[in-house]
Protein backbone atom coordinates (compact mmCIF):
# COMPACT_ATOMS: atom_id res chain seq x y z
CA MET A 1 155.75 126.50 89.96
CA SER A 2 152.70 124.23 90.17
CA LYS A 3 152.00 123.10 93.36
CA LEU A 4 152.92 119.69 94.67
CA VAL A 5 149.88 117.44 96.05
CA SER A 6 150.71 115.24 98.78
CA LYS A 7 149.41 111.62 97.96
CA GLN A 8 146.96 110.70 100.50
CA ILE A 9 147.00 108.35 102.91
CA GLN A 10 144.94 104.97 103.04
CA ALA A 11 143.96 102.03 105.80
CA ILE A 12 146.17 99.01 105.24
CA ARG A 13 144.45 96.68 102.75
CA GLY A 14 142.55 94.16 105.38
CA MET A 15 142.08 96.99 107.73
CA ASN A 16 139.02 98.87 107.91
CA ASP A 17 138.07 101.64 110.00
CA CYS A 18 135.23 101.06 112.09
CA LEU A 19 132.33 104.34 110.60
CA PRO A 20 129.85 105.98 113.18
CA SER A 21 127.39 104.69 111.10
CA GLU A 22 128.37 100.82 112.29
CA SER A 23 130.30 101.78 115.79
CA GLY A 24 126.37 101.17 116.93
CA LEU A 25 126.11 97.85 115.87
CA TRP A 26 129.52 96.85 117.16
CA GLN A 27 128.24 98.15 120.42
CA TYR A 28 125.15 96.09 120.36
CA VAL A 29 127.37 92.95 119.51
CA GLU A 30 130.10 93.73 122.24
CA SER A 31 127.37 94.34 125.08
CA SER A 32 125.04 91.29 124.09
CA ILE A 33 128.26 89.03 124.21
CA ARG A 34 129.59 90.47 127.73
CA GLN A 35 125.46 90.01 128.55
CA VAL A 36 125.55 86.19 127.58
CA VAL A 37 128.38 85.37 129.20
CA ALA A 38 128.23 86.78 132.39
CA SER A 39 125.01 84.73 132.56
CA TYR A 40 126.83 81.52 132.30
CA GLY A 41 129.54 83.01 136.12
CA TYR A 42 132.70 83.48 132.80
CA GLN A 43 134.81 86.22 133.65
CA GLU A 44 136.76 88.50 131.34
CA ILE A 45 140.91 87.98 130.77
CA ARG A 46 142.25 90.53 128.37
CA THR A 47 146.04 89.76 126.73
CA PRO A 48 149.00 91.43 124.60
CA ILE A 49 148.33 91.67 121.03
CA VAL A 50 152.10 91.07 120.62
CA GLU A 51 153.73 87.83 121.80
CA SER A 52 156.32 85.66 121.46
CA THR A 53 156.80 84.13 117.76
CA ASP A 54 157.10 80.50 119.75
CA LEU A 55 154.08 81.06 121.67
CA PHE A 56 152.07 80.56 118.10
CA LYS A 57 154.33 77.62 116.42
CA ARG A 58 154.40 75.38 119.51
CA SER A 59 150.30 75.37 120.31
CA ILE A 60 149.14 76.26 116.20
CA GLY A 61 151.44 73.74 114.78
CA GLU A 62 154.79 74.73 112.01
CA VAL A 63 153.00 73.52 109.59
CA THR A 64 149.35 75.26 109.47
CA ASP A 65 148.50 77.65 107.30
CA ILE A 66 148.23 80.38 110.01
CA VAL A 67 151.92 79.95 111.14
CA GLU A 68 153.68 79.18 107.91
CA LYS A 69 151.80 81.88 105.36
CA GLU A 70 149.77 84.29 107.84
CA MET A 71 151.02 85.34 110.77
CA TYR A 72 152.45 89.29 111.05
CA THR A 73 155.89 88.20 112.39
CA PHE A 74 158.96 90.40 112.47
CA THR A 75 162.07 91.17 115.22
CA ASP A 76 162.33 94.01 117.83
CA ARG A 77 165.05 96.14 118.80
CA ASN A 78 166.39 93.03 121.30
CA SER A 79 166.37 90.85 117.88
CA ASP A 80 163.52 88.86 119.36
CA SER A 81 160.87 87.59 117.02
CA LEU A 82 157.76 88.93 117.88
CA THR A 83 154.21 87.74 116.74
CA LEU A 84 151.17 89.74 116.54
CA ARG A 85 148.45 87.33 117.55
CA PRO A 86 146.67 85.85 115.04
CA GLU A 87 144.18 83.79 117.83
CA GLY A 88 143.18 84.51 121.43
CA THR A 89 144.01 80.96 122.49
CA ALA A 90 147.11 80.20 123.14
CA SER A 91 147.77 83.99 124.56
CA VAL A 92 144.80 83.13 127.48
CA VAL A 93 147.16 79.40 128.55
CA ARG A 94 150.31 81.84 128.22
CA ALA A 95 148.97 84.11 130.90
CA GLY A 96 146.94 81.23 132.65
CA ASN A 97 150.36 78.97 133.38
CA GLU A 98 152.73 82.54 133.86
CA HIS A 99 149.74 83.65 136.46
CA GLY A 100 148.90 80.18 137.84
CA LEU A 101 146.06 79.65 137.28
CA LEU A 102 145.53 77.01 135.88
CA TYR A 103 147.27 74.28 137.61
CA ASN A 104 144.41 71.80 139.72
CA GLN A 105 142.04 74.68 139.28
CA GLN A 106 139.01 75.16 137.13
CA GLN A 107 138.35 78.78 135.33
CA ARG A 108 135.77 79.78 133.21
CA LEU A 109 137.34 82.39 131.04
CA TRP A 110 136.35 84.87 127.77
CA TYR A 111 138.40 87.34 126.05
CA MET A 112 137.67 90.16 122.89
CA GLY A 113 139.93 91.57 120.78
CA GLN A 114 141.93 92.26 117.70
CA MET A 115 143.68 89.69 115.62
CA PHE A 116 145.91 89.75 112.94
CA ARG A 117 146.50 87.08 109.76
CA HIS A 118 147.74 87.70 106.35
CA GLU A 119 145.01 86.12 104.82
CA ARG A 120 143.14 87.15 101.15
CA PRO A 121 140.96 89.98 102.12
CA GLN A 122 137.07 89.19 101.35
CA LYS A 123 133.17 90.12 103.09
CA GLY A 124 133.75 89.51 106.25
CA ARG A 125 137.30 88.74 106.49
CA TYR A 126 140.03 90.96 107.25
CA ARG A 127 143.80 90.60 108.29
CA GLN A 128 142.92 92.99 111.34
CA PHE A 129 139.85 91.34 112.92
CA HIS A 130 137.74 91.23 116.33
CA GLN A 131 137.77 87.80 118.30
CA PHE A 132 135.83 86.86 120.80
CA GLY A 133 136.56 83.59 122.39
CA VAL A 134 135.82 81.35 125.61
CA GLU A 135 138.44 79.12 127.55
CA VAL A 136 137.36 76.58 130.29
CA PHE A 137 140.13 74.91 132.10
CA GLY A 138 140.56 72.13 134.85
CA LEU A 139 137.45 69.78 133.49
CA ALA A 140 137.25 66.74 131.80
CA GLY A 141 133.80 66.18 131.01
CA PRO A 142 131.20 66.12 128.53
CA ASP A 143 129.03 68.59 130.66
CA ILE A 144 131.29 71.27 130.50
CA ASP A 145 131.86 70.78 126.47
CA THR A 146 127.67 71.01 126.58
CA GLU A 147 127.71 74.13 128.53
CA VAL A 148 130.61 75.43 126.06
CA ILE A 149 128.36 74.80 122.85
CA LEU A 150 125.04 75.56 124.71
CA LEU A 151 126.61 79.72 125.59
CA SER A 152 127.36 79.90 121.46
CA ALA A 153 123.85 78.33 121.23
CA ARG A 154 122.56 81.31 123.07
CA LEU A 155 124.61 83.98 121.53
CA TRP A 156 122.61 83.18 118.39
CA LYS A 157 119.28 83.22 120.38
CA LYS A 158 120.50 86.58 121.47
CA PHE A 159 121.18 87.85 118.13
CA GLY A 160 117.94 86.69 116.17
CA ILE A 161 119.90 84.16 114.16
CA SER A 162 119.44 80.87 115.80
CA GLN A 163 117.85 80.14 112.31
CA ASN A 164 120.46 81.07 110.05
CA VAL A 165 123.10 78.81 111.95
CA THR A 166 124.10 74.98 111.97
CA LEU A 167 125.94 73.02 114.75
CA GLU A 168 128.22 70.35 113.53
CA ILE A 169 130.21 68.38 115.32
CA ASN A 170 132.92 65.19 115.57
CA SER A 171 135.47 63.87 118.11
CA LEU A 172 139.17 63.68 117.26
CA GLY A 173 139.88 61.40 119.59
CA SER A 174 142.84 60.45 121.90
CA SER A 175 146.72 61.11 120.33
CA GLU A 176 147.14 57.59 120.64
CA ALA A 177 143.89 57.11 118.65
CA ARG A 178 144.72 59.30 115.88
CA VAL A 179 148.21 57.55 115.17
CA ALA A 180 146.34 54.32 114.50
CA TYR A 181 143.97 56.42 112.46
CA LYS A 182 146.78 58.64 110.30
CA GLU A 183 148.29 55.61 109.26
CA GLN A 184 145.00 54.34 107.82
CA LEU A 185 144.20 57.62 106.43
CA VAL A 186 147.64 57.71 104.70
CA ALA A 187 147.62 54.62 103.30
CA PHE A 188 144.32 55.72 101.81
CA LEU A 189 145.49 59.35 100.45
CA LYS A 190 148.05 57.64 99.01
CA THR A 191 146.08 55.98 96.38
CA ARG A 192 144.57 59.34 95.48
CA GLU A 193 148.20 61.28 95.50
CA SER A 194 146.89 62.09 91.56
CA GLU A 195 144.03 63.83 92.99
CA LEU A 196 145.61 65.92 96.05
CA ASP A 197 146.51 69.53 95.55
CA GLU A 198 150.14 70.82 96.15
CA ASP A 199 149.03 71.52 99.80
CA SER A 200 147.52 68.70 100.36
CA LEU A 201 150.78 66.32 98.98
CA ARG A 202 152.40 68.99 101.86
CA ARG A 203 150.21 67.91 104.31
CA LEU A 204 149.88 64.35 103.60
CA GLN A 205 153.18 64.05 105.32
CA SER A 206 153.25 66.65 107.71
CA ASN A 207 149.30 66.49 109.01
CA PRO A 208 147.62 64.24 107.21
CA LEU A 209 144.12 64.95 109.00
CA ARG A 210 144.53 68.82 107.70
CA VAL A 211 144.18 66.61 103.95
CA LEU A 212 140.41 66.38 105.13
CA ASP A 213 139.98 69.91 105.75
CA SER A 214 140.90 71.06 102.54
CA LYS A 215 138.86 73.62 100.43
CA ASN A 216 139.36 72.70 97.11
CA PRO A 217 136.85 70.82 95.81
CA GLN A 218 138.90 68.14 93.27
CA VAL A 219 140.45 67.15 97.30
CA GLN A 220 136.94 67.06 98.40
CA ASN A 221 135.93 64.60 96.08
CA ALA A 222 139.19 62.89 96.64
CA VAL A 223 138.95 62.28 100.25
CA LYS A 224 135.07 61.57 100.57
CA ASP A 225 135.34 57.64 100.61
CA ALA A 226 138.41 58.39 103.50
CA PRO A 227 138.39 55.96 106.62
CA LYS A 228 135.85 57.76 109.33
CA LEU A 229 138.14 59.68 112.09
CA ILE A 230 134.97 58.96 114.47
CA ASP A 231 135.18 54.66 113.94
CA TYR A 232 139.01 54.47 115.32
CA LEU A 233 137.72 56.36 118.56
CA ASP A 234 139.51 54.78 121.60
CA GLU A 235 137.04 53.68 124.53
CA GLU A 236 137.02 56.57 126.50
CA SER A 237 136.40 59.40 123.59
CA ALA A 238 134.17 57.51 122.00
CA LYS A 239 131.82 57.33 125.38
CA HIS A 240 132.87 61.01 125.84
CA PHE A 241 131.16 61.93 122.55
CA LYS A 242 128.69 59.55 122.86
CA GLU A 243 127.72 61.49 126.56
CA LEU A 244 127.99 64.75 124.53
CA CYS A 245 125.65 63.77 122.22
CA GLU A 246 122.88 62.51 124.35
CA ARG A 247 123.30 65.69 126.49
CA LEU A 248 122.57 67.90 123.50
CA ASP A 249 119.53 65.81 122.17
CA SER A 250 118.14 65.81 125.48
CA LEU A 251 118.72 69.65 125.69
CA ASP A 252 117.02 69.48 122.29
CA VAL A 253 120.06 71.00 121.07
CA LYS A 254 120.26 70.13 116.69
CA TYR A 255 123.35 69.38 115.47
CA ARG A 256 125.03 67.50 112.47
CA VAL A 257 127.44 64.55 112.77
CA ASN A 258 130.43 65.67 110.21
CA PRO A 259 133.63 63.32 110.32
CA ALA A 260 135.55 65.57 107.80
CA LEU A 261 134.92 68.55 111.01
CA VAL A 262 138.72 68.24 111.75
CA ARG A 263 139.90 72.16 113.20
CA GLY A 264 142.82 73.98 111.71
CA LEU A 265 144.48 74.22 114.79
CA ASP A 266 146.52 71.20 115.97
CA TYR A 267 145.96 71.43 119.37
CA TYR A 268 142.59 70.24 119.33
CA ASN A 269 141.72 66.79 120.77
CA ARG A 270 138.32 64.78 121.22
CA THR A 271 134.79 66.82 120.80
CA VAL A 272 135.46 69.76 117.78
CA PHE A 273 132.69 71.59 116.75
CA GLU A 274 131.44 74.61 114.01
CA TRP A 275 128.99 76.94 113.74
CA VAL A 276 127.80 77.30 109.71
CA THR A 277 125.83 79.05 107.88
CA ASP A 278 124.78 80.07 104.40
CA SER A 279 123.14 83.32 105.20
CA LEU A 280 126.36 84.77 103.74
CA GLY A 281 126.44 83.08 100.29
CA ALA A 282 128.60 80.49 100.31
CA GLN A 283 128.67 77.74 103.53
CA GLY A 284 131.40 79.36 105.80
CA THR A 285 131.92 79.00 109.25
CA VAL A 286 130.75 81.79 112.00
CA CYS A 287 132.22 79.91 115.49
CA ALA A 288 134.57 77.50 116.42
CA GLY A 289 136.05 75.38 118.98
CA GLY A 290 136.87 72.07 120.83
CA ARG A 291 138.61 70.82 123.21
CA TYR A 292 142.77 70.97 123.51
CA ASP A 293 143.64 69.22 126.34
CA GLY A 294 147.50 68.77 125.60
CA LEU A 295 148.03 72.73 124.69
CA VAL A 296 148.72 73.80 128.60
CA GLU A 297 151.54 71.00 128.64
CA GLN A 298 152.25 71.69 125.08
CA LEU A 299 153.39 75.51 126.48
CA GLY A 300 154.94 74.76 129.51
CA GLY A 301 152.79 74.23 131.94
CA LYS A 302 151.08 71.29 134.44
CA ALA A 303 148.68 69.42 132.42
CA THR A 304 144.87 70.78 132.79
CA GLN A 305 142.40 69.92 130.62
CA GLY A 306 140.68 72.75 128.10
CA VAL A 307 137.84 73.41 125.97
CA GLY A 308 136.65 77.10 124.00
CA PHE A 309 135.61 78.28 121.02
CA ALA A 310 135.98 81.52 119.36
CA MET A 311 134.24 84.06 116.35
CA GLY A 312 134.92 86.45 114.11
CA LEU A 313 132.99 89.33 115.40
CA GLU A 314 133.01 91.57 111.61
CA ARG A 315 131.09 87.69 110.03
CA ILE A 316 128.85 88.30 112.92
CA VAL A 317 128.50 91.74 112.25
CA LEU A 318 128.34 91.37 108.48
CA MET A 319 125.18 88.33 108.77
CA LEU A 320 122.93 90.62 111.04
CA GLN A 321 123.53 93.42 108.13
CA THR A 322 122.79 91.24 106.00
CA LEU A 323 119.57 89.51 107.50
CA GLU A 324 118.97 93.43 108.30
CA LEU A 325 118.61 92.87 111.92
CA ASP A 326 120.41 95.98 112.61
CA LYS A 327 117.50 98.02 111.28
CA SER A 328 115.81 97.60 114.71
CA LEU A 329 118.87 98.51 117.16
CA VAL A 330 118.47 101.73 119.46
CA GLU A 331 118.77 104.84 117.91
CA VAL A 332 122.33 107.37 118.64
CA VAL A 333 119.99 109.98 119.91
CA ASP A 334 116.90 109.68 122.00
CA ILE A 335 116.46 113.77 121.94
CA TYR A 336 117.96 117.00 120.50
CA VAL A 337 117.87 120.45 122.20
CA THR A 338 117.90 123.15 120.38
CA ALA A 339 118.35 126.88 121.10
CA MET A 340 116.76 129.36 119.03
CA ASN A 341 119.40 132.18 119.86
CA GLY A 342 122.57 133.06 121.61
CA SER A 343 120.79 134.12 124.93
CA VAL A 344 119.25 131.20 125.90
CA GLU A 345 122.06 128.93 125.15
CA LEU A 346 123.07 128.38 128.31
CA TYR A 347 119.87 127.90 129.76
CA ALA A 348 119.26 124.97 127.14
CA ARG A 349 122.15 123.30 128.25
CA GLN A 350 120.89 123.50 131.63
CA ILE A 351 118.09 121.34 130.57
CA SER A 352 120.41 119.23 128.77
CA GLU A 353 122.89 118.51 131.71
CA ALA A 354 119.70 117.80 134.18
CA LEU A 355 117.72 115.18 132.10
CA ARG A 356 121.51 113.38 131.79
CA ASP A 357 121.17 113.63 136.21
CA ALA A 358 117.87 112.23 136.28
CA LEU A 359 117.79 109.83 133.26
CA PRO A 360 121.66 108.66 132.45
CA GLN A 361 120.11 106.02 130.41
CA ILE A 362 118.28 108.68 127.80
CA LYS A 363 120.99 109.93 125.06
CA VAL A 364 120.54 113.63 124.64
CA MET A 365 122.63 115.74 122.00
CA ASN A 366 122.57 119.81 122.04
CA HIS A 367 122.84 121.77 118.95
CA CYS A 368 125.93 123.62 118.80
CA GLY A 369 126.85 126.29 115.93
CA GLY A 370 123.72 128.03 115.76
CA GLY A 371 121.52 128.69 112.57
CA ASN A 372 117.87 129.24 111.98
CA PHE A 373 115.07 127.50 113.08
CA LYS A 374 114.78 125.45 110.22
CA LYS A 375 119.05 124.52 110.27
CA GLN A 376 117.89 123.24 113.79
CA MET A 377 115.09 121.12 112.82
CA LYS A 378 117.28 119.73 109.70
CA ARG A 379 120.42 118.63 112.30
CA ALA A 380 117.70 117.69 114.93
CA ASP A 381 115.78 115.01 112.22
CA GLN A 382 119.34 114.09 110.89
CA SER A 383 120.30 112.88 114.15
CA GLY A 384 117.55 110.32 114.88
CA ALA A 385 116.22 111.47 117.80
CA SER A 386 112.95 111.12 118.80
CA ILE A 387 112.08 114.39 119.59
CA ALA A 388 113.49 118.28 119.66
CA LEU A 389 113.28 119.93 122.92
CA ILE A 390 112.66 123.80 121.26
CA ILE A 391 113.67 126.57 123.75
CA GLY A 392 113.58 130.02 123.11
CA GLN A 393 112.87 133.02 125.11
CA ASP A 394 109.64 132.58 125.29
CA GLU A 395 110.17 128.91 127.20
CA MET A 396 112.94 130.27 129.18
CA ALA A 397 110.95 133.12 130.21
CA LEU A 398 108.15 130.85 131.14
CA GLN A 399 110.43 128.01 132.02
CA GLN A 400 109.56 125.56 130.29
CA VAL A 401 110.51 123.57 126.97
CA THR A 402 108.29 122.83 123.25
CA VAL A 403 108.43 119.39 122.44
CA LYS A 404 108.30 118.41 118.86
CA TYR A 405 107.80 115.10 117.95
CA LEU A 406 110.18 113.79 114.97
CA ARG A 407 109.44 110.41 114.36
CA GLU A 408 105.22 110.27 114.96
CA LYS A 409 102.45 112.91 113.73
CA GLN A 410 101.71 114.28 116.56
CA PRO A 411 101.05 117.73 117.11
CA GLN A 412 103.95 120.03 119.47
CA GLU A 413 102.93 120.20 123.21
CA THR A 414 104.13 122.72 125.92
CA ILE A 415 105.82 121.15 129.03
CA SER A 416 107.03 122.92 132.02
CA LEU A 417 110.53 122.37 133.24
CA CYS A 418 109.77 120.84 136.74
CA ASP A 419 107.05 117.40 134.94
CA LEU A 420 110.16 117.68 131.99
CA THR A 421 111.83 114.44 133.59
CA ARG A 422 108.05 112.62 134.32
CA PHE A 423 107.46 113.33 130.90
CA THR A 424 110.52 112.04 129.49
CA LYS A 425 110.37 108.49 131.47
CA LYS A 426 106.82 107.72 130.55
CA LEU A 427 107.57 108.71 126.75
CA PHE A 428 110.70 106.59 126.47
CA ASN A 429 109.68 104.09 128.88
CA VAL A 430 112.12 103.77 131.65
């Protein structure tokens, strides 16, 4: 009788494992983000992965691709409709309203976590992805819009990719200005109906601004001569945008005004912006955001101004890999500690623990599993460590260690235990 072979279970399509070979890069990206937001005085907020479905219908908009096609929505045991969060802003606003953080207050917040969208998986875009975002509440002027853009620009500087991204900005004006503009836009689009695809025809009725955002080349060609929203701005919005541009100019932040930039979420007004790159093949967005002064009220809070941005970390990680900027990252291990036989194992362990006590920033790995000198040196080399500490009975008897250089052509040297910490500090410049 043949033995039944169980089918191997694999990850769900579009939901990827982060392997040990990649986790160092992820940690670098995440810690860099934390450093930058801290330097601007922003505070972290953490929200649940699952929210009420109505939250996203009310914030993102029921006629958007995200709500219509991409959300992971299910009914729980209480017959409530719940959704895995597809983006972070709505959750932050919900939390701010619920805990009384927003009304008549100023908040500068950031978040980082997993989001879910049932999109077509492609390189750097997955169904489960990690998003970092900044949200500022209670500030209305172009000065805070400028700060948010500057914060995002500093991230590119931190990652060494400033030359590989371009800032695009636009203004969506007030809701009243958009009503007047929509009338003109719809009238124009109706003259080009034969050139619009199915999605654009549907949006023509529900959300005509999104037609401008279509990725279909035929539709893009059809709308290239469409009226520009920036020509229909109300006086206050025009002044806001002019002052934003003046600030960016004076701070030497390069940008391009893109009249077709409307953003895919319904809650934006006035300033919208995207950072785009062509380093990932076809031009793609790596960061996007803008102002959303009506969202807090839309979600049941009192009227509060808001502005922020979000970026997918998978895209940033992919960029760093594509540009080979991940090669210079610190190794997982600095020092590999060997034990040439069982009788010195505890002595070797004491040495590594003493190093960790004295220099917690140094990464020390102990050899486990025994084996001869050749096997241990092979493991030491594979670890990526700069040096190996060779410890045998002679070293233990003399209270010494032998240092073998793994990445440099230098002769072995013997160090006394009392000099080991000082030697390590000097070697690793700590």
